[in-house]
Amino acid sequence: MIPRARLALLSGALALCAAAPAAAKIFTPPKGCNVYLTVQEHGCIVSNLYRCTQDKPGDQWRADFGVNGAYFVSKTDDQTQWIESLDLDSGSREHLQPGAPAPASFSKLLATGRDDFDFSTVNQQGVVHRFTGYDKLTGESVTIDGVPLQRTEYAMTASGPDGTVLWKATGHEYISKSWRTFFAGTGIWDDKSGKTPYDNSPARMIQPGQPGFAATVPEYDCHDVMSQLLLPRKTAVE
């Protein structure tokens, strides 16, 4: 399933990448939590993945950073369900609604090669958003910095409380079987403004003790992203 943080990026947080990079900084997670992976991604993003002792087994967090700092934090469980997310720019927080018709299931994806999902989230104002779609293994695999990843295909549709389609997204992502998590890839974001291609594929996967671990400054494509924002809209839309 497309990582929740990417949705925030694609629906507005992309503007965070339009500033000049700051000096390198190190991410410090909340008390009782430990970073286990830093991912430098294409599209001017760096993500720090961490786990907390006070959470349920299998729960994990992801903090996403643009060149202006952290903009999104999300929590998933061992089935990669979106348990909680926080847009740091707007202050909007969403939680998973219980009783989903078809909860996301990482175990089913691994066992059968496909997982169809249908679930909803609710924000602090009580607004409900529904997400439907699928993830499917393609049979392809890659290794980045010694980390084996499996490639997926996905499609997702988001709808508002009245059933109106807010956006659609399709593309390819990656999963780690051992870490039980998704990593973004390439795709098409389709909303009322048009279709926008994106590439947030992992460029580097940095583990504890390696240079760049827990970094908060993105390293890849920030100049390209800034240039895209300055182009006429029609040149950035497929």
Foldseek 3Di string as FASTA:
>chain_A
DAPPVVVVCVVPVLVLLQDDADDKDFDDDDPQKDWFKWFFWASQKIKTKMDGPPDDPQKIKIWIFHRVFTAKMFIAGLQRFGAKIAGNVVRKIKGWDPDFPFTRGLPCCVVPQKGWGWTWIAIPVGWIKIKTKMKGFPPDWDAAPNAIKTKIWIKMWIATPVRHTAKIKTDMWIAHPVSSYIGGAWIWIQGPLAIAIDGTHTPHMDGPPDPPPRIRGHDHCSVVSNVLVPDPPVVRHD
